[in-house]
Amino acid sequence: MKKIATNVSIKQRRHSRIGAALPTHIKGVEGVTRDISATGLYILQNSHQEMGARIEFSVDLDTPGGILKLCCEGEVVRVEEIEGRFGVGIKILKQVIKSNN
């Protein structure tokens, strides 16, 4: 694992993270979460993101009532290269849940 950059230490995290593999979408690039919390998440994907960039992304939530989409704006706070893929830590700035209906 090659650490490219980070702006967040573990001590700065305000909420516990939960391990979860949820589908994500950033600018048409699909990925999967490694973990998620109320204020951030870590995504593995094939595309590099720039540190400090403000991005729009979504996370698919599979619920008993069907798929919901968590649509977010966030800030990239960590980027790592992991076996040819990229680990991206994102601080959630805004979020809304939308139905696919």
PDB file of N, CA and C in Angstrom:
ATOM      1  N   MET A   1       0.853  -1.172   0.000  1.00  0.00           N
ATOM      2  CA  MET A   1       0.000   0.000   0.000  1.00  0.00           C
ATOM      3  C   MET A   1       0.897   1.231   0.000  1.00  0.00           C
ATOM      4  N   LYS A   2       0.628   2.138  -0.923  1.00  0.00           N
ATOM      5  CA  LYS A   2       1.378   3.373  -1.038  1.00  0.00           C
ATOM      6  C   LYS A   2       0.484   4.529  -0.640  1.00  0.00           C
ATOM      7  N   LYS A   3       0.828   5.196   0.446  1.00  0.00           N
ATOM      8  CA  LYS A   3       0.028   6.340   0.888  1.00  0.00           C
ATOM      9  C   LYS A   3       0.391   7.529   0.018  1.00  0.00           C
ATOM     10  N   ILE A   4      -0.596   8.096  -0.635  1.00  0.00           N
ATOM     11  CA  ILE A   4      -0.359   9.246  -1.492  1.00  0.00           C
ATOM     12  C   ILE A   4      -0.506  10.529  -0.689  1.00  0.00           C
ATOM     13  N   ALA A   5      -1.564  10.637   0.100  1.00  0.00           N
ATOM     14  CA  ALA A   5      -1.764  11.837   0.917  1.00  0.00           C
ATOM     15  C   ALA A   5      -2.893  11.604   1.909  1.00  0.00           C
ATOM     16  N   THR A   6      -2.832  12.362   2.999  1.00  0.00           N
ATOM     17  CA  THR A   6      -3.917  12.297   3.977  1.00  0.00           C
ATOM     18  C   THR A   6      -4.012  13.608   4.736  1.00  0.00           C
ATOM     19  N   ASN A   7      -5.204  13.995   5.083  1.00  0.00           N
ATOM     20  CA  ASN A   7      -5.447  15.191   5.892  1.00  0.00           C
ATOM     21  C   ASN A   7      -6.107  14.855   7.219  1.00  0.00           C
ATOM     22  N   VAL A   8      -6.432  13.586   7.462  1.00  0.00           N
ATOM     23  CA  VAL A   8      -7.196  13.203   8.646  1.00  0.00           C
ATOM     24  C   VAL A   8      -6.455  12.122   9.414  1.00  0.00           C
ATOM     25  N   SER A   9      -6.336  12.309  10.719  1.00  0.00           N
ATOM     26  CA  SER A   9      -5.782  11.260  11.559  1.00  0.00           C
ATOM     27  C   SER A   9      -6.924  10.515  12.225  1.00  0.00           C
ATOM     28  N   ILE A  10      -6.645   9.319  12.706  1.00  0.00           N
ATOM     29  CA  ILE A  10      -7.678   8.533  13.373  1.00  0.00           C
ATOM     30  C   ILE A  10      -8.227   9.286  14.578  1.00  0.00           C
ATOM     31  N   LYS A  11      -7.409  10.055  15.262  1.00  0.00           N
ATOM     32  CA  LYS A  11      -7.859  10.811  16.425  1.00  0.00           C
ATOM     33  C   LYS A  11      -8.881  11.880  16.058  1.00  0.00           C
ATOM     34  N   GLN A  12      -8.870  12.362  14.809  1.00  0.00           N
ATOM     35  CA  GLN A  12      -9.789  13.408  14.375  1.00  0.00           C
ATOM     36  C   GLN A  12     -11.181  12.873  14.066  1.00  0.00           C
ATOM     37  N   ARG A  13     -11.337  11.575  13.937  1.00  0.00           N
ATOM     38  CA  ARG A  13     -12.643  11.007  13.601  1.00  0.00           C
ATOM     39  C   ARG A  13     -13.611  11.215  14.753  1.00  0.00           C
ATOM     40  N   ARG A  14     -14.809  11.702  14.400  1.00  0.00           N
ATOM     41  CA  ARG A  14     -15.809  11.987  15.419  1.00  0.00           C
ATOM     42  C   ARG A  14     -16.774  10.841  15.619  1.00  0.00           C
ATOM     43  N   HIS A  15     -16.930   9.979  14.621  1.00  0.00           N
ATOM     44  CA  HIS A  15     -17.904   8.898  14.686  1.00  0.00           C
ATOM     45  C   HIS A  15     -17.248   7.565  14.371  1.00  0.00           C
ATOM     46  N   SER A  16     -17.765   6.512  14.996  1.00  0.00           N
ATOM     47  CA  SER A  16     -17.265   5.172  14.735  1.00  0.00           C
ATOM     48  C   SER A  16     -17.573   4.780  13.301  1.00  0.00           C
ATOM     49  N   ARG A  17     -16.641   4.053  12.702  1.00  0.00           N
ATOM     50  CA  ARG A  17     -16.852   3.564  11.340  1.00  0.00           C
ATOM     51  C   ARG A  17     -17.319   2.121  11.389  1.00  0.00           C
ATOM     52  N   ILE A  18     -18.164   1.781  10.432  1.00  0.00           N
ATOM     53  CA  ILE A  18     -18.711   0.430  10.325  1.00  0.00           C
ATOM     54  C   ILE A  18     -18.244  -0.169   9.007  1.00  0.00           C
ATOM     55  N   GLY A  19     -17.679  -1.358   9.069  1.00  0.00           N
ATOM     56  CA  GLY A  19     -17.258  -2.041   7.846  1.00  0.00           C
ATOM     57  C   GLY A  19     -18.475  -2.386   7.003  1.00  0.00           C
ATOM     58  N   ALA A  20     -18.450  -1.975   5.739  1.00  0.00           N
ATOM     59  CA  ALA A  20     -19.578  -2.246   4.841  1.00  0.00           C
ATOM     60  C   ALA A  20     -19.100  -2.161   3.397  1.00  0.00           C
ATOM     61  N   ALA A  21     -19.548  -3.100   2.576  1.00  0.00           N
ATOM     62  CA  ALA A  21     -19.229  -3.093   1.145  1.00  0.00           C
ATOM     63  C   ALA A  21     -20.478  -2.654   0.379  1.00  0.00           C
ATOM     64  N   LEU A  22     -20.568  -1.352   0.112  1.00  0.00           N
ATOM     65  CA  LEU A  22     -21.724  -0.770  -0.573  1.00  0.00           C
ATOM     66  C   LEU A  22     -21.276  -0.175  -1.901  1.00  0.00           C
ATOM     67  N   PRO A  23     -22.046  -0.353  -2.971  1.00  0.00           N
ATOM     68  CA  PRO A  23     -21.685   0.217  -4.274  1.00  0.00           C
ATOM     69  C   PRO A  23     -21.680   1.747  -4.234  1.00  0.00           C
ATOM     70  N   THR A  24     -20.679   2.350  -4.890  1.00  0.00           N
ATOM     71  CA  THR A  24     -20.558   3.808  -4.958  1.00  0.00           C
ATOM     72  C   THR A  24     -20.383   4.259  -6.403  1.00  0.00           C
ATOM     73  N   HIS A  25     -20.646   5.556  -6.612  1.00  0.00           N
ATOM     74  CA  HIS A  25     -20.502   6.154  -7.941  1.00  0.00           C
ATOM     75  C   HIS A  25     -19.938   7.560  -7.771  1.00  0.00           C
ATOM     76  N   ILE A  26     -18.773   7.815  -8.396  1.00  0.00           N
ATOM     77  CA  ILE A  26     -18.163   9.141  -8.403  1.00  0.00           C
ATOM     78  C   ILE A  26     -17.845   9.474  -9.853  1.00  0.00           C
ATOM     79  N   LYS A  27     -18.504  10.478 -10.398  1.00  0.00           N
ATOM     80  CA  LYS A  27     -18.271  10.906 -11.786  1.00  0.00           C
ATOM     81  C   LYS A  27     -18.297   9.724 -12.750  1.00  0.00           C
ATOM     82  N   GLY A  28     -19.250   8.833 -12.591  1.00  0.00           N
ATOM     83  CA  GLY A  28     -19.376   7.685 -13.486  1.00  0.00           C
ATOM     84  C   GLY A  28     -18.453   6.520 -13.182  1.00  0.00           C
ATOM     85  N   VAL A  29     -17.596   6.665 -12.179  1.00  0.00           N
ATOM     86  CA  VAL A  29     -16.678   5.597 -11.784  1.00  0.00           C
ATOM     87  C   VAL A  29     -17.298   4.821 -10.633  1.00  0.00           C
ATOM     88  N   GLU A  30     -17.411   3.511 -10.818  1.00  0.00           N
ATOM     89  CA  GLU A  30     -17.975   2.672  -9.764  1.00  0.00           C
ATOM     90  C   GLU A  30     -16.895   2.260  -8.782  1.00  0.00           C
ATOM     91  N   GLY A  31     -17.299   2.100  -7.538  1.00  0.00           N
ATOM     92  CA  GLY A  31     -16.395   1.659  -6.495  1.00  0.00           C
ATOM     93  C   GLY A  31     -17.191   0.929  -5.437  1.00  0.00           C
ATOM     94  N   VAL A  32     -16.536   0.677  -4.301  1.00  0.00           N
ATOM     95  CA  VAL A  32     -17.207   0.010  -3.191  1.00  0.00           C
ATOM     96  C   VAL A  32     -16.641   0.575  -1.889  1.00  0.00           C
ATOM     97  N   THR A  33     -17.533   0.765  -0.914  1.00  0.00           N
ATOM     98  CA  THR A  33     -17.060   1.262   0.378  1.00  0.00           C
ATOM     99  C   THR A  33     -16.324   0.160   1.125  1.00  0.00           C
ATOM    100  N   ARG A  34     -15.357   0.557   1.907  1.00  0.00           N
ATOM    101  CA  ARG A  34     -14.702  -0.359   2.850  1.00  0.00           C
ATOM    102  C   ARG A  34     -15.312  -0.153   4.226  1.00  0.00           C
ATOM    103  N   ASP A  35     -15.572   1.121   4.551  1.00  0.00           N
ATOM    104  CA  ASP A  35     -16.243   1.462   5.806  1.00  0.00           C
ATOM    105  C   ASP A  35     -16.963   2.792   5.642  1.00  0.00           C
ATOM    106  N   ILE A  36     -17.903   3.027   6.567  1.00  0.00           N
ATOM    107  CA  ILE A  36     -18.729   4.227   6.484  1.00  0.00           C
ATOM    108  C   ILE A  36     -19.108   4.673   7.892  1.00  0.00           C
ATOM    109  N   SER A  37     -19.281   5.989   8.070  1.00  0.00           N
ATOM    110  CA  SER A  37     -19.769   6.535   9.333  1.00  0.00           C
ATOM    111  C   SER A  37     -20.752   7.645   9.005  1.00  0.00           C
ATOM    112  N   ALA A  38     -21.257   8.307  10.023  1.00  0.00           N
ATOM    113  CA  ALA A  38     -22.208   9.396   9.814  1.00  0.00           C
ATOM    114  C   ALA A  38     -21.569  10.587   9.111  1.00  0.00           C
ATOM    115  N   THR A  39     -20.241  10.724   9.201  1.00  0.00           N
ATOM    116  CA  THR A  39     -19.576  11.906   8.641  1.00  0.00           C
ATOM    117  C   THR A  39     -18.552  11.604   7.556  1.00  0.00           C
ATOM    118  N   GLY A  40     -18.351  10.342   7.208  1.00  0.00           N
ATOM    119  CA  GLY A  40     -17.357  10.046   6.182  1.00  0.00           C
ATOM    120  C   GLY A  40     -17.383   8.595   5.755  1.00  0.00           C
ATOM    121  N   LEU A  41     -16.578   8.296   4.744  1.00  0.00           N
ATOM    122  CA  LEU A  41     -16.467   6.926   4.256  1.00  0.00           C
ATOM    123  C   LEU A  41     -15.142   6.741   3.533  1.00  0.00           C
ATOM    124  N   TYR A  42     -14.798   5.480   3.335  1.00  0.00           N
ATOM    125  CA  TYR A  42     -13.582   5.115   2.620  1.00  0.00           C
ATOM    126  C   TYR A  42     -14.005   4.233   1.461  1.00  0.00           C
ATOM    127  N   ILE A  43     -13.606   4.627   0.251  1.00  0.00           N
ATOM    128  CA  ILE A  43     -14.018   3.948  -0.970  1.00  0.00           C
ATOM    129  C   ILE A  43     -12.805   3.363  -1.678  1.00  0.00           C
ATOM    130  N   LEU A  44     -12.945   2.164  -2.232  1.00  0.00           N
ATOM    131  CA  LEU A  44     -11.955   1.581  -3.116  1.00  0.00           C
ATOM    132  C   LEU A  44     -12.487   1.670  -4.538  1.00  0.00           C
ATOM    133  N   GLN A  45     -11.682   2.235  -5.451  1.00  0.00           N
ATOM    134  CA  GLN A  45     -12.104   2.386  -6.841  1.00  0.00           C
ATOM    135  C   GLN A  45     -10.891   2.398  -7.753  1.00  0.00           C
ATOM    136  N   ASN A  46     -11.117   2.397  -9.058  1.00  0.00           N
ATOM    137  CA  ASN A  46     -10.035   2.352 -10.037  1.00  0.00           C
ATOM    138  C   ASN A  46      -9.549   3.724 -10.474  1.00  0.00           C
ATOM    139  N   SER A  47     -10.139   4.779  -9.972  1.00  0.00           N
ATOM    140  CA  SER A  47      -9.798   6.134 -10.400  1.00  0.00           C
ATOM    141  C   SER A  47      -9.231   6.953  -9.243  1.00  0.00           C
ATOM    142  N   HIS A  48      -8.180   7.702  -9.526  1.00  0.00           N
ATOM    143  CA  HIS A  48      -7.544   8.575  -8.545  1.00  0.00           C
ATOM    144  C   HIS A  48      -8.401   9.810  -8.308  1.00  0.00           C
ATOM    145  N   GLN A  49      -8.438  10.294  -7.094  1.00  0.00           N
ATOM    146  CA  GLN A  49      -9.110  11.547  -6.745  1.00  0.00           C
ATOM    147  C   GLN A  49      -8.059  12.489  -6.168  1.00  0.00           C
ATOM    148  N   GLU A  50      -8.243  13.774  -6.349  1.00  0.00           N
ATOM    149  CA  GLU A  50      -7.293  14.773  -5.857  1.00  0.00           C
ATOM    150  C   GLU A  50      -7.593  15.137  -4.404  1.00  0.00           C
ATOM    151  N   MET A  51      -6.544  15.209  -3.596  1.00  0.00           N
ATOM    152  CA  MET A  51      -6.683  15.637  -2.204  1.00  0.00           C
ATOM    153  C   MET A  51      -7.317  17.021  -2.148  1.00  0.00           C
ATOM    154  N   GLY A  52      -8.261  17.194  -1.238  1.00  0.00           N
ATOM    155  CA  GLY A  52      -8.908  18.482  -1.048  1.00  0.00           C
ATOM    156  C   GLY A  52     -10.022  18.778  -2.034  1.00  0.00           C
ATOM    157  N   ALA A  53     -10.181  17.918  -3.041  1.00  0.00           N
ATOM    158  CA  ALA A  53     -11.220  18.149  -4.051  1.00  0.00           C
ATOM    159  C   ALA A  53     -12.602  18.021  -3.435  1.00  0.00           C
ATOM    160  N   ARG A  54     -13.520  18.850  -3.877  1.00  0.00           N
ATOM    161  CA  ARG A  54     -14.935  18.726  -3.518  1.00  0.00           C
ATOM    162  C   ARG A  54     -15.574  17.880  -4.608  1.00  0.00           C
ATOM    163  N   ILE A  55     -16.255  16.814  -4.208  1.00  0.00           N
ATOM    164  CA  ILE A  55     -16.834  15.899  -5.185  1.00  0.00           C
ATOM    165  C   ILE A  55     -18.283  15.593  -4.836  1.00  0.00           C
ATOM    166  N   GLU A  56     -19.030  15.180  -5.849  1.00  0.00           N
ATOM    167  CA  GLU A  56     -20.370  14.657  -5.658  1.00  0.00           C
ATOM    168  C   GLU A  56     -20.293  13.155  -5.882  1.00  0.00           C
ATOM    169  N   PHE A  57     -20.947  12.392  -5.019  1.00  0.00           N
ATOM    170  CA  PHE A  57     -20.918  10.941  -5.136  1.00  0.00           C
ATOM    171  C   PHE A  57     -22.198  10.363  -4.570  1.00  0.00           C
ATOM    172  N   SER A  58     -22.422   9.087  -4.873  1.00  0.00           N
ATOM    173  CA  SER A  58     -23.599   8.421  -4.320  1.00  0.00           C
ATOM    174  C   SER A  58     -23.225   7.033  -3.829  1.00  0.00           C
ATOM    175  N   VAL A  59     -24.024   6.555  -2.879  1.00  0.00           N
ATOM    176  CA  VAL A  59     -23.853   5.225  -2.298  1.00  0.00           C
ATOM    177  C   VAL A  59     -25.207   4.535  -2.389  1.00  0.00           C
ATOM    178  N   ASP A  60     -25.220   3.306  -2.932  1.00  0.00           N
ATOM    179  CA  ASP A  60     -26.464   2.536  -3.024  1.00  0.00           C
ATOM    180  C   ASP A  60     -26.707   1.799  -1.712  1.00  0.00           C
ATOM    181  N   LEU A  61     -27.904   1.993  -1.153  1.00  0.00           N
ATOM    182  CA  LEU A  61     -28.287   1.347   0.102  1.00  0.00           C
ATOM    183  C   LEU A  61     -29.396   0.343  -0.190  1.00  0.00           C
ATOM    184  N   ASP A  62     -29.126  -0.929   0.031  1.00  0.00           N
ATOM    185  CA  ASP A  62     -30.106  -1.984  -0.221  1.00  0.00           C
ATOM    186  C   ASP A  62     -30.960  -2.146   1.034  1.00  0.00           C
ATOM    187  N   THR A  63     -32.238  -1.763   0.939  1.00  0.00           N
ATOM    188  CA  THR A  63     -33.144  -1.829   2.083  1.00  0.00           C
ATOM    189  C   THR A  63     -34.283  -2.794   1.777  1.00  0.00           C
ATOM    190  N   PRO A  64     -35.030  -3.228   2.784  1.00  0.00           N
ATOM    191  CA  PRO A  64     -36.183  -4.109   2.526  1.00  0.00           C
ATOM    192  C   PRO A  64     -37.199  -3.489   1.560  1.00  0.00           C
ATOM    193  N   GLY A  65     -37.265  -2.167   1.498  1.00  0.00           N
ATOM    194  CA  GLY A  65     -38.194  -1.486   0.599  1.00  0.00           C
ATOM    195  C   GLY A  65     -37.621  -1.223  -0.786  1.00  0.00           C
ATOM    196  N   GLY A  66     -36.391  -1.646  -1.028  1.00  0.00           N
ATOM    197  CA  GLY A  66     -35.743  -1.414  -2.318  1.00  0.00           C
ATOM    198  C   GLY A  66     -34.472  -0.599  -2.159  1.00  0.00           C
ATOM    199  N   ILE A  67     -33.818  -0.353  -3.283  1.00  0.00           N
ATOM    200  CA  ILE A  67     -32.558   0.391  -3.270  1.00  0.00           C
ATOM    201  C   ILE A  67     -32.835   1.877  -3.040  1.00  0.00           C
ATOM    202  N   LEU A  68     -32.116   2.456  -2.085  1.00  0.00           N
ATOM    203  CA  LEU A  68     -32.122   3.893  -1.862  1.00  0.00           C
ATOM    204  C   LEU A  68     -30.752   4.415  -2.249  1.00  0.00           C
ATOM    205  N   LYS A  69     -30.678   5.667  -2.656  1.00  0.00           N
ATOM    206  CA  LYS A  69     -29.418   6.271  -3.059  1.00  0.00           C
ATOM    207  C   LYS A  69     -29.087   7.393  -2.081  1.00  0.00           C
ATOM    208  N   LEU A  70     -27.932   7.274  -1.427  1.00  0.00           N
ATOM    209  CA  LEU A  70     -27.419   8.323  -0.562  1.00  0.00           C
ATOM    210  C   LEU A  70     -26.577   9.231  -1.457  1.00  0.00           C
ATOM    211  N   CYS A  71     -27.099  10.419  -1.751  1.00  0.00           N
ATOM    212  CA  CYS A  71     -26.423  11.374  -2.627  1.00  0.00           C
ATOM    213  C   CYS A  71     -25.698  12.396  -1.755  1.00  0.00           C
ATOM    214  N   CYS A  72     -24.406  12.566  -2.015  1.00  0.00           N
ATOM    215  CA  CYS A  72     -23.584  13.382  -1.127  1.00  0.00           C
ATOM    216  C   CYS A  72     -22.682  14.348  -1.874  1.00  0.00           C
ATOM    217  N   GLU A  73     -22.287  15.395  -1.151  1.00  0.00           N
ATOM    218  CA  GLU A  73     -21.162  16.236  -1.521  1.00  0.00           C
ATOM    219  C   GLU A  73     -20.121  15.978  -0.449  1.00  0.00           C
ATOM    220  N   GLY A  74     -18.871  15.891  -0.856  1.00  0.00           N
ATOM    221  CA  GLY A  74     -17.830  15.607   0.114  1.00  0.00           C
ATOM    222  C   GLY A  74     -16.494  16.208  -0.266  1.00  0.00           C
ATOM    223  N   GLU A  75     -15.552  16.062   0.647  1.00  0.00           N
ATOM    224  CA  GLU A  75     -14.187  16.541   0.439  1.00  0.00           C
ATOM    225  C   GLU A  75     -13.238  15.355   0.577  1.00  0.00           C
ATOM    226  N   VAL A  76     -12.350  15.192  -0.396  1.00  0.00           N
ATOM    227  CA  VAL A  76     -11.364  14.111  -0.359  1.00  0.00           C
ATOM    228  C   VAL A  76     -10.304  14.458   0.681  1.00  0.00           C
ATOM    229  N   VAL A  77     -10.170  13.595   1.714  1.00  0.00           N
ATOM    230  CA  VAL A  77      -9.228  13.856   2.805  1.00  0.00           C
ATOM    231  C   VAL A  77      -8.117  12.817   2.879  1.00  0.00           C
ATOM    232  N   ARG A  78      -8.187  11.779   2.043  1.00  0.00           N
ATOM    233  CA  ARG A  78      -7.155  10.740   2.058  1.00  0.00           C
ATOM    234  C   ARG A  78      -7.154  10.027   0.713  1.00  0.00           C
ATOM    235  N   VAL A  79      -5.958   9.739   0.204  1.00  0.00           N
ATOM    236  CA  VAL A  79      -5.821   8.975  -1.037  1.00  0.00           C
ATOM    237  C   VAL A  79      -4.652   8.010  -0.873  1.00  0.00           C
ATOM    238  N   GLU A  80      -4.899   6.729  -1.162  1.00  0.00           N
ATOM    239  CA  GLU A  80      -3.860   5.699  -1.084  1.00  0.00           C
ATOM    240  C   GLU A  80      -3.932   4.829  -2.330  1.00  0.00           C
ATOM    241  N   GLU A  81      -2.787   4.372  -2.802  1.00  0.00           N
ATOM    242  CA  GLU A  81      -2.776   3.407  -3.887  1.00  0.00           C
ATOM    243  C   GLU A  81      -2.649   2.023  -3.271  1.00  0.00           C
ATOM    244  N   ILE A  82      -3.578   1.131  -3.620  1.00  0.00           N
ATOM    245  CA  ILE A  82      -3.621  -0.211  -3.048  1.00  0.00           C
ATOM    246  C   ILE A  82      -3.736  -1.219  -4.178  1.00  0.00           C
ATOM    247  N   GLU A  83      -2.645  -1.906  -4.475  1.00  0.00           N
ATOM    248  CA  GLU A  83      -2.635  -2.961  -5.489  1.00  0.00           C
ATOM    249  C   GLU A  83      -3.307  -2.534  -6.783  1.00  0.00           C
ATOM    250  N   GLY A  84      -2.909  -1.395  -7.326  1.00  0.00           N
ATOM    251  CA  GLY A  84      -3.433  -0.920  -8.599  1.00  0.00           C
ATOM    252  C   GLY A  84      -4.772  -0.206  -8.519  1.00  0.00           C
ATOM    253  N   ARG A  85      -5.347  -0.118  -7.343  1.00  0.00           N
ATOM    254  CA  ARG A  85      -6.605   0.607  -7.139  1.00  0.00           C
ATOM    255  C   ARG A  85      -6.329   1.790  -6.215  1.00  0.00           C
ATOM    256  N   PHE A  86      -7.342   2.583  -5.963  1.00  0.00           N
ATOM    257  CA  PHE A  86      -7.181   3.737  -5.089  1.00  0.00           C
ATOM    258  C   PHE A  86      -8.158   3.681  -3.928  1.00  0.00           C
ATOM    259  N   GLY A  87      -7.635   3.913  -2.730  1.00  0.00           N
ATOM    260  CA  GLY A  87      -8.447   4.071  -1.541  1.00  0.00           C
ATOM    261  C   GLY A  87      -8.658   5.556  -1.333  1.00  0.00           C
ATOM    262  N   VAL A  88      -9.911   5.964  -1.195  1.00  0.00           N
ATOM    263  CA  VAL A  88     -10.236   7.384  -1.091  1.00  0.00           C
ATOM    264  C   VAL A  88     -11.057   7.614   0.169  1.00  0.00           C
ATOM    265  N   GLY A  89     -10.531   8.418   1.082  1.00  0.00           N
ATOM    266  CA  GLY A  89     -11.259   8.817   2.278  1.00  0.00           C
ATOM    267  C   GLY A  89     -11.996  10.114   1.998  1.00  0.00           C
ATOM    268  N   ILE A  90     -13.285  10.137   2.303  1.00  0.00           N
ATOM    269  CA  ILE A  90     -14.104  11.298   1.982  1.00  0.00           C
ATOM    270  C   ILE A  90     -14.857  11.770   3.223  1.00  0.00           C
ATOM    271  N   LYS A  91     -14.770  13.051   3.492  1.00  0.00           N
ATOM    272  CA  LYS A  91     -15.544  13.690   4.555  1.00  0.00           C
ATOM    273  C   LYS A  91     -16.861  14.149   3.935  1.00  0.00           C
ATOM    274  N   ILE A  92     -17.991  13.707   4.494  1.00  0.00           N
ATOM    275  CA  ILE A  92     -19.297  14.081   3.962  1.00  0.00           C
ATOM    276  C   ILE A  92     -19.657  15.495   4.430  1.00  0.00           C
ATOM    277  N   LEU A  93     -19.971  16.362   3.464  1.00  0.00           N
ATOM    278  CA  LEU A  93     -20.356  17.741   3.761  1.00  0.00           C
ATOM    279  C   LEU A  93     -21.866  17.944   3.704  1.00  0.00           C
ATOM    280  N   LYS A  94     -22.521  17.306   2.724  1.00  0.00           N
ATOM    281  CA  LYS A  94     -23.965  17.370   2.567  1.00  0.00           C
ATOM    282  C   LYS A  94     -24.451  16.001   2.120  1.00  0.00           C
ATOM    283  N   GLN A  95     -25.676  15.634   2.529  1.00  0.00           N
ATOM    284  CA  GLN A  95     -26.215  14.356   2.121  1.00  0.00           C
ATOM    285  C   GLN A  95     -27.739  14.377   2.077  1.00  0.00           C
ATOM    286  N   VAL A  96     -28.289  13.593   1.153  1.00  0.00           N
ATOM    287  CA  VAL A  96     -29.730  13.432   1.044  1.00  0.00           C
ATOM    288  C   VAL A  96     -29.987  12.026   0.533  1.00  0.00           C
ATOM    289  N   ILE A  97     -31.030  11.400   1.039  1.00  0.00           N
ATOM    290  CA  ILE A  97     -31.391  10.056   0.589  1.00  0.00           C
ATOM    291  C   ILE A  97     -32.520  10.166  -0.431  1.00  0.00           C
ATOM    292  N   LYS A  98     -32.346   9.512  -1.578  1.00  0.00           N
ATOM    293  CA  LYS A  98     -33.353   9.544  -2.647  1.00  0.00           C
ATOM    294  C   LYS A  98     -33.820   8.131  -2.957  1.00  0.00           C
ATOM    295  N   SER A  99     -35.072   8.025  -3.327  1.00  0.00           N
ATOM    296  CA  SER A  99     -35.647   6.762  -3.742  1.00  0.00           C
ATOM    297  C   SER A  99     -35.397   6.571  -5.230  1.00  0.00           C
ATOM    298  N   ASN A 100     -35.251   5.349  -5.677  1.00  0.00           N
ATOM    299  CA  ASN A 100     -35.094   5.063  -7.105  1.00  0.00           C
ATOM    300  C   ASN A 100     -36.434   5.050  -7.824  1.00  0.00           C
ATOM    301  N   ASN A 101     -37.517   5.272  -7.122  1.00  0.00           N
ATOM    302  CA  ASN A 101     -38.866   5.255  -7.741  1.00  0.00           C
ATOM    303  C   ASN A 101     -39.144   6.531  -8.487  1.00  0.00           C
TER     304      ASN A 101
END
